[in-house]
Amino acid sequence: MSSPKNKNTTSDRIHGNSLLNPNKNYGYVLVDKNTGEILKFGETLYPNTRYTTDYLDSVNAEMKILCSGSKEDIHYWQYDMNNYYKFKYGEYPPLVNSPNGY
């Protein structure tokens, strides 16, 4: 006899990257520790573990949380911020890996 489907199974959970994710999301900027140059705008559900200290040191960056909100709102915020940077300076911030600005 099979048991009823548990609502907490992995197949019922919303993926962390889904725009439907109900958890609080954070918008951040990575800036150069010496110059203050913007290196990237990003989003994360887990700002305390998004980057290791070793990684931030390797790119001479610090992370600053700028806003928080729904996954969807912050996703589009970081997309807009990286694209505004490209509009203003002719290229994406140095640490943006996507050709689409996120």
PDB file of N, CA and C in Angstrom:
ATOM      1  N   MET A   1       0.836  -1.173   0.000  1.00  0.00           N
ATOM      2  CA  MET A   1       0.000   0.000   0.000  1.00  0.00           C
ATOM      3  C   MET A   1       0.885   1.243   0.000  1.00  0.00           C
ATOM      4  N   SER A   2       0.623   2.136  -0.902  1.00  0.00           N
ATOM      5  CA  SER A   2       1.439   3.346  -0.972  1.00  0.00           C
ATOM      6  C   SER A   2       0.863   4.412  -0.051  1.00  0.00           C
ATOM      7  N   SER A   3       1.758   5.225   0.484  1.00  0.00           N
ATOM      8  CA  SER A   3       1.316   6.297   1.383  1.00  0.00           C
ATOM      9  C   SER A   3       0.943   7.525   0.569  1.00  0.00           C
ATOM     10  N   PRO A   4       0.088   8.390   1.134  1.00  0.00           N
ATOM     11  CA  PRO A   4      -0.276   9.614   0.411  1.00  0.00           C
ATOM     12  C   PRO A   4       0.956  10.476   0.184  1.00  0.00           C
ATOM     13  N   LYS A   5       0.918  11.222  -0.877  1.00  0.00           N
ATOM     14  CA  LYS A   5       2.056  12.078  -1.219  1.00  0.00           C
ATOM     15  C   LYS A   5       2.269  13.138  -0.141  1.00  0.00           C
ATOM     16  N   ASN A   6       3.464  13.209   0.356  1.00  0.00           N
ATOM     17  CA  ASN A   6       3.821  14.197   1.374  1.00  0.00           C
ATOM     18  C   ASN A   6       4.064  15.539   0.697  1.00  0.00           C
ATOM     19  N   LYS A   7       3.481  16.599   1.204  1.00  0.00           N
ATOM     20  CA  LYS A   7       3.613  17.921   0.591  1.00  0.00           C
ATOM     21  C   LYS A   7       5.027  18.470   0.685  1.00  0.00           C
ATOM     22  N   ASN A   8       5.870  17.848   1.480  1.00  0.00           N
ATOM     23  CA  ASN A   8       7.238  18.343   1.644  1.00  0.00           C
ATOM     24  C   ASN A   8       8.257  17.571   0.814  1.00  0.00           C
ATOM     25  N   THR A   9       7.828  16.761  -0.113  1.00  0.00           N
ATOM     26  CA  THR A   9       8.775  16.047  -0.950  1.00  0.00           C
ATOM     27  C   THR A   9       9.454  17.013  -1.910  1.00  0.00           C
ATOM     28  N   THR A  10      10.598  16.638  -2.383  1.00  0.00           N
ATOM     29  CA  THR A  10      11.374  17.492  -3.285  1.00  0.00           C
ATOM     30  C   THR A  10      10.572  17.889  -4.513  1.00  0.00           C
ATOM     31  N   SER A  11       9.763  16.990  -5.045  1.00  0.00           N
ATOM     32  CA  SER A  11       9.013  17.314  -6.261  1.00  0.00           C
ATOM     33  C   SER A  11       7.966  18.395  -6.021  1.00  0.00           C
ATOM     34  N   ASP A  12       7.551  18.610  -4.759  1.00  0.00           N
ATOM     35  CA  ASP A  12       6.557  19.629  -4.451  1.00  0.00           C
ATOM     36  C   ASP A  12       7.186  20.979  -4.103  1.00  0.00           C
ATOM     37  N   ARG A  13       8.449  21.022  -3.884  1.00  0.00           N
ATOM     38  CA  ARG A  13       9.114  22.264  -3.496  1.00  0.00           C
ATOM     39  C   ARG A  13       9.390  23.135  -4.702  1.00  0.00           C
ATOM     40  N   ILE A  14       9.370  24.435  -4.478  1.00  0.00           N
ATOM     41  CA  ILE A  14       9.714  25.382  -5.530  1.00  0.00           C
ATOM     42  C   ILE A  14      11.220  25.554  -5.515  1.00  0.00           C
ATOM     43  N   HIS A  15      11.848  25.403  -6.659  1.00  0.00           N
ATOM     44  CA  HIS A  15      13.301  25.526  -6.767  1.00  0.00           C
ATOM     45  C   HIS A  15      13.760  26.910  -6.335  1.00  0.00           C
ATOM     46  N   GLY A  16      14.922  26.978  -5.719  1.00  0.00           N
ATOM     47  CA  GLY A  16      15.470  28.246  -5.240  1.00  0.00           C
ATOM     48  C   GLY A  16      15.622  29.301  -6.311  1.00  0.00           C
ATOM     49  N   ASN A  17      15.849  28.888  -7.557  1.00  0.00           N
ATOM     50  CA  ASN A  17      16.009  29.860  -8.643  1.00  0.00           C
ATOM     51  C   ASN A  17      14.705  30.231  -9.327  1.00  0.00           C
ATOM     52  N   SER A  18      13.615  29.598  -8.924  1.00  0.00           N
ATOM     53  CA  SER A  18      12.323  29.914  -9.532  1.00  0.00           C
ATOM     54  C   SER A  18      11.867  31.301  -9.101  1.00  0.00           C
ATOM     55  N   LEU A  19      11.307  32.055 -10.031  1.00  0.00           N
ATOM     56  CA  LEU A  19      10.764  33.366  -9.694  1.00  0.00           C
ATOM     57  C   LEU A  19       9.568  33.255  -8.758  1.00  0.00           C
ATOM     58  N   LEU A  20       9.035  32.056  -8.591  1.00  0.00           N
ATOM     59  CA  LEU A  20       7.927  31.820  -7.672  1.00  0.00           C
ATOM     60  C   LEU A  20       8.398  31.512  -6.253  1.00  0.00           C
ATOM     61  N   ASN A  21       9.710  31.420  -6.046  1.00  0.00           N
ATOM     62  CA  ASN A  21      10.239  31.119  -4.723  1.00  0.00           C
ATOM     63  C   ASN A  21       9.742  32.167  -3.727  1.00  0.00           C
ATOM     64  N   PRO A  22       9.085  31.739  -2.641  1.00  0.00           N
ATOM     65  CA  PRO A  22       8.496  32.692  -1.706  1.00  0.00           C
ATOM     66  C   PRO A  22       9.478  33.272  -0.685  1.00  0.00           C
ATOM     67  N   ASN A  23      10.697  32.785  -0.647  1.00  0.00           N
ATOM     68  CA  ASN A  23      11.656  33.256   0.356  1.00  0.00           C
ATOM     69  C   ASN A  23      12.184  34.648   0.031  1.00  0.00           C
ATOM     70  N   LYS A  24      12.589  35.360   1.058  1.00  0.00           N
ATOM     71  CA  LYS A  24      13.175  36.695   0.897  1.00  0.00           C
ATOM     72  C   LYS A  24      14.467  36.578   0.096  1.00  0.00           C
ATOM     73  N   ASN A  25      14.628  37.443  -0.879  1.00  0.00           N
ATOM     74  CA  ASN A  25      15.804  37.464  -1.740  1.00  0.00           C
ATOM     75  C   ASN A  25      16.523  38.793  -1.529  1.00  0.00           C
ATOM     76  N   TYR A  26      17.808  38.816  -1.773  1.00  0.00           N
ATOM     77  CA  TYR A  26      18.619  40.004  -1.514  1.00  0.00           C
ATOM     78  C   TYR A  26      19.328  40.454  -2.782  1.00  0.00           C
ATOM     79  N   GLY A  27      19.324  41.754  -3.016  1.00  0.00           N
ATOM     80  CA  GLY A  27      20.085  42.342  -4.104  1.00  0.00           C
ATOM     81  C   GLY A  27      21.375  42.902  -3.538  1.00  0.00           C
ATOM     82  N   TYR A  28      22.479  42.625  -4.213  1.00  0.00           N
ATOM     83  CA  TYR A  28      23.782  43.067  -3.703  1.00  0.00           C
ATOM     84  C   TYR A  28      24.634  43.632  -4.825  1.00  0.00           C
ATOM     85  N   VAL A  29      25.682  44.307  -4.412  1.00  0.00           N
ATOM     86  CA  VAL A  29      26.704  44.760  -5.335  1.00  0.00           C
ATOM     87  C   VAL A  29      28.048  44.282  -4.804  1.00  0.00           C
ATOM     88  N   LEU A  30      28.904  43.840  -5.711  1.00  0.00           N
ATOM     89  CA  LEU A  30      30.295  43.573  -5.370  1.00  0.00           C
ATOM     90  C   LEU A  30      31.088  44.783  -5.816  1.00  0.00           C
ATOM     91  N   VAL A  31      31.888  45.326  -4.902  1.00  0.00           N
ATOM     92  CA  VAL A  31      32.717  46.488  -5.225  1.00  0.00           C
ATOM     93  C   VAL A  31      34.167  46.201  -4.878  1.00  0.00           C
ATOM     94  N   ASP A  32      35.056  46.818  -5.636  1.00  0.00           N
ATOM     95  CA  ASP A  32      36.483  46.705  -5.371  1.00  0.00           C
ATOM     96  C   ASP A  32      36.780  47.370  -4.029  1.00  0.00           C
ATOM     97  N   LYS A  33      37.518  46.679  -3.156  1.00  0.00           N
ATOM     98  CA  LYS A  33      37.815  47.191  -1.815  1.00  0.00           C
ATOM     99  C   LYS A  33      38.635  48.471  -1.841  1.00  0.00           C
ATOM    100  N   ASN A  34      39.459  48.653  -2.842  1.00  0.00           N
ATOM    101  CA  ASN A  34      40.344  49.829  -2.882  1.00  0.00           C
ATOM    102  C   ASN A  34      39.735  51.000  -3.635  1.00  0.00           C
ATOM    103  N   THR A  35      39.112  50.709  -4.763  1.00  0.00           N
ATOM    104  CA  THR A  35      38.644  51.797  -5.634  1.00  0.00           C
ATOM    105  C   THR A  35      37.150  52.079  -5.531  1.00  0.00           C
ATOM    106  N   GLY A  36      36.386  51.122  -4.998  1.00  0.00           N
ATOM    107  CA  GLY A  36      34.937  51.268  -4.966  1.00  0.00           C
ATOM    108  C   GLY A  36      34.279  50.966  -6.305  1.00  0.00           C
ATOM    109  N   GLU A  37      35.072  50.541  -7.304  1.00  0.00           N
ATOM    110  CA  GLU A  37      34.522  50.210  -8.619  1.00  0.00           C
ATOM    111  C   GLU A  37      33.477  49.106  -8.495  1.00  0.00           C
ATOM    112  N   ILE A  38      32.371  49.268  -9.182  1.00  0.00           N
ATOM    113  CA  ILE A  38      31.334  48.235  -9.210  1.00  0.00           C
ATOM    114  C   ILE A  38      31.836  47.069 -10.053  1.00  0.00           C
ATOM    115  N   LEU A  39      31.781  45.880  -9.460  1.00  0.00           N
ATOM    116  CA  LEU A  39      32.225  44.675 -10.149  1.00  0.00           C
ATOM    117  C   LEU A  39      31.065  43.818 -10.627  1.00  0.00           C
ATOM    118  N   LYS A  40      29.915  43.923  -9.933  1.00  0.00           N
ATOM    119  CA  LYS A  40      28.764  43.103 -10.299  1.00  0.00           C
ATOM    120  C   LYS A  40      27.574  43.471  -9.418  1.00  0.00           C
ATOM    121  N   PHE A  41      26.392  43.440 -10.012  1.00  0.00           N
ATOM    122  CA  PHE A  41      25.151  43.454  -9.248  1.00  0.00           C
ATOM    123  C   PHE A  41      24.628  42.027  -9.285  1.00  0.00           C
ATOM    124  N   GLY A  42      24.107  41.543  -8.170  1.00  0.00           N
ATOM    125  CA  GLY A  42      23.621  40.175  -8.130  1.00  0.00           C
ATOM    126  C   GLY A  42      22.464  39.996  -7.179  1.00  0.00           C
ATOM    127  N   GLU A  43      22.013  38.763  -7.107  1.00  0.00           N
ATOM    128  CA  GLU A  43      20.897  38.399  -6.241  1.00  0.00           C
ATOM    129  C   GLU A  43      21.234  37.096  -5.532  1.00  0.00           C
ATOM    130  N   THR A  44      20.728  36.939  -4.329  1.00  0.00           N
ATOM    131  CA  THR A  44      20.952  35.713  -3.583  1.00  0.00           C
ATOM    132  C   THR A  44      19.888  35.537  -2.513  1.00  0.00           C
ATOM    133  N   LEU A  45      19.584  34.304  -2.235  1.00  0.00           N
ATOM    134  CA  LEU A  45      18.709  33.977  -1.118  1.00  0.00           C
ATOM    135  C   LEU A  45      19.516  33.888   0.178  1.00  0.00           C
ATOM    136  N   TYR A  46      20.819  33.664   0.051  1.00  0.00           N
ATOM    137  CA  TYR A  46      21.676  33.406   1.205  1.00  0.00           C
ATOM    138  C   TYR A  46      22.922  34.302   1.173  1.00  0.00           C
ATOM    139  N   PRO A  47      22.779  35.562   1.553  1.00  0.00           N
ATOM    140  CA  PRO A  47      23.906  36.482   1.431  1.00  0.00           C
ATOM    141  C   PRO A  47      25.119  36.114   2.283  1.00  0.00           C
ATOM    142  N   ASN A  48      24.909  35.445   3.405  1.00  0.00           N
ATOM    143  CA  ASN A  48      26.041  35.111   4.270  1.00  0.00           C
ATOM    144  C   ASN A  48      26.917  34.007   3.712  1.00  0.00           C
ATOM    145  N   THR A  49      26.392  33.249   2.763  1.00  0.00           N
ATOM    146  CA  THR A  49      27.180  32.151   2.199  1.00  0.00           C
ATOM    147  C   THR A  49      27.320  32.250   0.682  1.00  0.00           C
ATOM    148  N   ARG A  50      26.900  33.347   0.078  1.00  0.00           N
ATOM    149  CA  ARG A  50      26.938  33.487  -1.382  1.00  0.00           C
ATOM    150  C   ARG A  50      28.361  33.380  -1.918  1.00  0.00           C
ATOM    151  N   TYR A  51      29.296  34.033  -1.266  1.00  0.00           N
ATOM    152  CA  TYR A  51      30.703  33.992  -1.684  1.00  0.00           C
ATOM    153  C   TYR A  51      31.570  33.637  -0.489  1.00  0.00           C
ATOM    154  N   THR A  52      32.625  32.900  -0.748  1.00  0.00           N
ATOM    155  CA  THR A  52      33.587  32.605   0.313  1.00  0.00           C
ATOM    156  C   THR A  52      34.513  33.815   0.483  1.00  0.00           C
ATOM    157  N   THR A  53      35.106  33.902   1.642  1.00  0.00           N
ATOM    158  CA  THR A  53      36.092  34.955   1.893  1.00  0.00           C
ATOM    159  C   THR A  53      37.253  34.829   0.914  1.00  0.00           C
ATOM    160  N   ASP A  54      37.662  33.604   0.632  1.00  0.00           N
ATOM    161  CA  ASP A  54      38.762  33.388  -0.320  1.00  0.00           C
ATOM    162  C   ASP A  54      38.422  33.948  -1.694  1.00  0.00           C
ATOM    163  N   TYR A  55      37.190  33.718  -2.161  1.00  0.00           N
ATOM    164  CA  TYR A  55      36.810  34.244  -3.471  1.00  0.00           C
ATOM    165  C   TYR A  55      36.807  35.772  -3.450  1.00  0.00           C
ATOM    166  N   LEU A  56      36.168  36.355  -2.451  1.00  0.00           N
ATOM    167  CA  LEU A  56      36.120  37.821  -2.384  1.00  0.00           C
ATOM    168  C   LEU A  56      37.524  38.409  -2.325  1.00  0.00           C
ATOM    169  N   ASP A  57      38.411  37.789  -1.560  1.00  0.00           N
ATOM    170  CA  ASP A  57      39.801  38.257  -1.500  1.00  0.00           C
ATOM    171  C   ASP A  57      40.490  38.115  -2.858  1.00  0.00           C
ATOM    172  N   SER A  58      40.179  37.041  -3.577  1.00  0.00           N
ATOM    173  CA  SER A  58      40.844  36.797  -4.869  1.00  0.00           C
ATOM    174  C   SER A  58      40.471  37.841  -5.918  1.00  0.00           C
ATOM    175  N   VAL A  59      39.301  38.460  -5.775  1.00  0.00           N
ATOM    176  CA  VAL A  59      38.886  39.503  -6.724  1.00  0.00           C
ATOM    177  C   VAL A  59      38.899  40.889  -6.061  1.00  0.00           C
ATOM    178  N   ASN A  60      39.467  40.946  -4.850  1.00  0.00           N
ATOM    179  CA  ASN A  60      39.597  42.185  -4.075  1.00  0.00           C
ATOM    180  C   ASN A  60      38.249  42.894  -3.904  1.00  0.00           C
ATOM    181  N   ALA A  61      37.234  42.103  -3.559  1.00  0.00           N
ATOM    182  CA  ALA A  61      35.877  42.649  -3.502  1.00  0.00           C
ATOM    183  C   ALA A  61      35.262  42.538  -2.122  1.00  0.00           C
ATOM    184  N   GLU A  62      34.282  43.399  -1.906  1.00  0.00           N
ATOM    185  CA  GLU A  62      33.402  43.249  -0.757  1.00  0.00           C
ATOM    186  C   GLU A  62      31.970  43.277  -1.273  1.00  0.00           C
ATOM    187  N   MET A  63      31.103  42.580  -0.548  1.00  0.00           N
ATOM    188  CA  MET A  63      29.705  42.476  -0.943  1.00  0.00           C
ATOM    189  C   MET A  63      28.879  43.394  -0.062  1.00  0.00           C
ATOM    190  N   LYS A  64      28.014  44.196  -0.698  1.00  0.00           N
ATOM    191  CA  LYS A  64      27.135  45.094   0.031  1.00  0.00           C
ATOM    192  C   LYS A  64      25.696  44.779  -0.350  1.00  0.00           C
ATOM    193  N   ILE A  65      24.873  44.493   0.642  1.00  0.00           N
ATOM    194  CA  ILE A  65      23.453  44.247   0.401  1.00  0.00           C
ATOM    195  C   ILE A  65      22.784  45.600   0.198  1.00  0.00           C
ATOM    196  N   LEU A  66      22.061  45.747  -0.917  1.00  0.00           N
ATOM    197  CA  LEU A  66      21.410  47.014  -1.234  1.00  0.00           C
ATOM    198  C   LEU A  66      19.900  46.987  -1.060  1.00  0.00           C
ATOM    199  N   CYS A  67      19.295  45.808  -1.222  1.00  0.00           N
ATOM    200  CA  CYS A  67      17.837  45.743  -1.122  1.00  0.00           C
ATOM    201  C   CYS A  67      17.415  44.301  -0.879  1.00  0.00           C
ATOM    202  N   SER A  68      16.153  44.132  -0.562  1.00  0.00           N
ATOM    203  CA  SER A  68      15.592  42.798  -0.407  1.00  0.00           C
ATOM    204  C   SER A  68      14.143  42.829  -0.856  1.00  0.00           C
ATOM    205  N   GLY A  69      13.633  41.650  -1.171  1.00  0.00           N
ATOM    206  CA  GLY A  69      12.255  41.555  -1.624  1.00  0.00           C
ATOM    207  C   GLY A  69      11.968  40.180  -2.166  1.00  0.00           C
ATOM    208  N   SER A  70      10.960  40.086  -3.005  1.00  0.00           N
ATOM    209  CA  SER A  70      10.600  38.800  -3.598  1.00  0.00           C
ATOM    210  C   SER A  70      11.681  38.368  -4.591  1.00  0.00           C
ATOM    211  N   LYS A  71      11.730  37.089  -4.847  1.00  0.00           N
ATOM    212  CA  LYS A  71      12.688  36.558  -5.822  1.00  0.00           C
ATOM    213  C   LYS A  71      12.511  37.256  -7.174  1.00  0.00           C
ATOM    214  N   GLU A  72      11.267  37.399  -7.597  1.00  0.00           N
ATOM    215  CA  GLU A  72      11.006  38.016  -8.894  1.00  0.00           C
ATOM    216  C   GLU A  72      11.468  39.475  -8.920  1.00  0.00           C
ATOM    217  N   ASP A  73      11.124  40.247  -7.895  1.00  0.00           N
ATOM    218  CA  ASP A  73      11.516  41.660  -7.860  1.00  0.00           C
ATOM    219  C   ASP A  73      13.031  41.835  -7.859  1.00  0.00           C
ATOM    220  N   ILE A  74      13.722  41.049  -7.050  1.00  0.00           N
ATOM    221  CA  ILE A  74      15.181  41.199  -6.957  1.00  0.00           C
ATOM    222  C   ILE A  74      15.863  40.663  -8.218  1.00  0.00           C
ATOM    223  N   HIS A  75      15.326  39.631  -8.810  1.00  0.00           N
ATOM    224  CA  HIS A  75      15.894  39.121 -10.069  1.00  0.00           C
ATOM    225  C   HIS A  75      15.883  40.221 -11.139  1.00  0.00           C
ATOM    226  N   TYR A  76      14.735  40.870 -11.290  1.00  0.00           N
ATOM    227  CA  TYR A  76      14.648  41.922 -12.299  1.00  0.00           C
ATOM    228  C   TYR A  76      15.432  43.164 -11.891  1.00  0.00           C
ATOM    229  N   TRP A  77      15.554  43.419 -10.591  1.00  0.00           N
ATOM    230  CA  TRP A  77      16.379  44.529 -10.111  1.00  0.00           C
ATOM    231  C   TRP A  77      17.820  44.342 -10.558  1.00  0.00           C
ATOM    232  N   GLN A  78      18.402  43.151 -10.309  1.00  0.00           N
ATOM    233  CA  GLN A  78      19.810  42.945 -10.676  1.00  0.00           C
ATOM    234  C   GLN A  78      19.993  42.966 -12.185  1.00  0.00           C
ATOM    235  N   TYR A  79      19.034  42.445 -12.918  1.00  0.00           N
ATOM    236  CA  TYR A  79      19.085  42.491 -14.378  1.00  0.00           C
ATOM    237  C   TYR A  79      19.105  43.946 -14.853  1.00  0.00           C
ATOM    238  N   ASP A  80      18.206  44.751 -14.292  1.00  0.00           N
ATOM    239  CA  ASP A  80      18.147  46.173 -14.665  1.00  0.00           C
ATOM    240  C   ASP A  80      19.417  46.913 -14.281  1.00  0.00           C
ATOM    241  N   MET A  81      19.947  46.639 -13.100  1.00  0.00           N
ATOM    242  CA  MET A  81      21.156  47.346 -12.643  1.00  0.00           C
ATOM    243  C   MET A  81      22.354  47.023 -13.537  1.00  0.00           C
ATOM    244  N   ASN A  82      22.551  45.747 -13.870  1.00  0.00           N
ATOM    245  CA  ASN A  82      23.664  45.384 -14.743  1.00  0.00           C
ATOM    246  C   ASN A  82      23.491  45.961 -16.143  1.00  0.00           C
ATOM    247  N   ASN A  83      22.259  46.001 -16.631  1.00  0.00           N
ATOM    248  CA  ASN A  83      22.019  46.578 -17.955  1.00  0.00           C
ATOM    249  C   ASN A  83      22.132  48.095 -17.956  1.00  0.00           C
ATOM    250  N   TYR A  84      21.751  48.743 -16.870  1.00  0.00           N
ATOM    251  CA  TYR A  84      21.960  50.192 -16.767  1.00  0.00           C
ATOM    252  C   TYR A  84      23.457  50.506 -16.775  1.00  0.00           C
ATOM    253  N   TYR A  85      24.231  49.703 -16.052  1.00  0.00           N
ATOM    254  CA  TYR A  85      25.690  49.868 -16.042  1.00  0.00           C
ATOM    255  C   TYR A  85      26.223  49.762 -17.476  1.00  0.00           C
ATOM    256  N   LYS A  86      25.751  48.765 -18.216  1.00  0.00           N
ATOM    257  CA  LYS A  86      26.199  48.596 -19.607  1.00  0.00           C
ATOM    258  C   LYS A  86      25.791  49.795 -20.457  1.00  0.00           C
ATOM    259  N   PHE A  87      24.582  50.291 -20.278  1.00  0.00           N
ATOM    260  CA  PHE A  87      24.119  51.462 -21.013  1.00  0.00           C
ATOM    261  C   PHE A  87      25.027  52.665 -20.721  1.00  0.00           C
ATOM    262  N   LYS A  88      25.380  52.834 -19.455  1.00  0.00           N
ATOM    263  CA  LYS A  88      26.179  53.996 -19.056  1.00  0.00           C
ATOM    264  C   LYS A  88      27.648  53.878 -19.460  1.00  0.00           C
ATOM    265  N   TYR A  89      28.231  52.666 -19.351  1.00  0.00           N
ATOM    266  CA  TYR A  89      29.674  52.499 -19.567  1.00  0.00           C
ATOM    267  C   TYR A  89      30.037  51.699 -20.818  1.00  0.00           C
ATOM    268  N   GLY A  90      29.051  51.170 -21.533  1.00  0.00           N
ATOM    269  CA  GLY A  90      29.330  50.452 -22.772  1.00  0.00           C
ATOM    270  C   GLY A  90      29.660  48.981 -22.617  1.00  0.00           C
ATOM    271  N   GLU A  91      29.704  48.487 -21.396  1.00  0.00           N
ATOM    272  CA  GLU A  91      29.965  47.077 -21.131  1.00  0.00           C
ATOM    273  C   GLU A  91      29.415  46.718 -19.756  1.00  0.00           C
ATOM    274  N   TYR A  92      29.234  45.420 -19.536  1.00  0.00           N
ATOM    275  CA  TYR A  92      28.756  44.970 -18.236  1.00  0.00           C
ATOM    276  C   TYR A  92      29.856  45.114 -17.188  1.00  0.00           C
ATOM    277  N   PRO A  93      29.490  45.151 -15.913  1.00  0.00           N
ATOM    278  CA  PRO A  93      30.521  45.158 -14.865  1.00  0.00           C
ATOM    279  C   PRO A  93      31.453  43.966 -15.044  1.00  0.00           C
ATOM    280  N   PRO A  94      32.702  44.091 -14.608  1.00  0.00           N
ATOM    281  CA  PRO A  94      33.719  43.074 -14.892  1.00  0.00           C
ATOM    282  C   PRO A  94      33.398  41.638 -14.463  1.00  0.00           C
ATOM    283  N   LEU A  95      32.650  41.442 -13.393  1.00  0.00           N
ATOM    284  CA  LEU A  95      32.399  40.085 -12.928  1.00  0.00           C
ATOM    285  C   LEU A  95      31.066  39.501 -13.386  1.00  0.00           C
ATOM    286  N   VAL A  96      30.364  40.184 -14.268  1.00  0.00           N
ATOM    287  CA  VAL A  96      29.111  39.634 -14.824  1.00  0.00           C
ATOM    288  C   VAL A  96      29.504  38.627 -15.901  1.00  0.00           C
ATOM    289  N   ASN A  97      29.060  37.383 -15.711  1.00  0.00           N
ATOM    290  CA  ASN A  97      29.444  36.311 -16.625  1.00  0.00           C
ATOM    291  C   ASN A  97      28.478  36.105 -17.782  1.00  0.00           C
ATOM    292  N   SER A  98      27.259  36.602 -17.651  1.00  0.00           N
ATOM    293  CA  SER A  98      26.247  36.355 -18.655  1.00  0.00           C
ATOM    294  C   SER A  98      26.248  37.450 -19.719  1.00  0.00           C
ATOM    295  N   PRO A  99      26.058  37.093 -20.971  1.00  0.00           N
ATOM    296  CA  PRO A  99      25.938  38.111 -22.017  1.00  0.00           C
ATOM    297  C   PRO A  99      24.625  38.873 -21.935  1.00  0.00           C
ATOM    298  N   ASN A 100      23.742  38.457 -21.016  1.00  0.00           N
ATOM    299  CA  ASN A 100      22.445  39.101 -20.854  1.00  0.00           C
ATOM    300  C   ASN A 100      22.367  40.004 -19.624  1.00  0.00           C
ATOM    301  N   GLY A 101      23.425  40.129 -18.866  1.00  0.00           N
ATOM    302  CA  GLY A 101      23.432  41.025 -17.729  1.00  0.00           C
ATOM    303  C   GLY A 101      23.022  40.420 -16.416  1.00  0.00           C
ATOM    304  N   TYR A 102      23.051  39.101 -16.336  1.00  0.00           N
ATOM    305  CA  TYR A 102      22.752  38.447 -15.050  1.00  0.00           C
ATOM    306  C   TYR A 102      23.496  37.151 -14.944  1.00  0.00           C
TER     307      TYR A 102
END
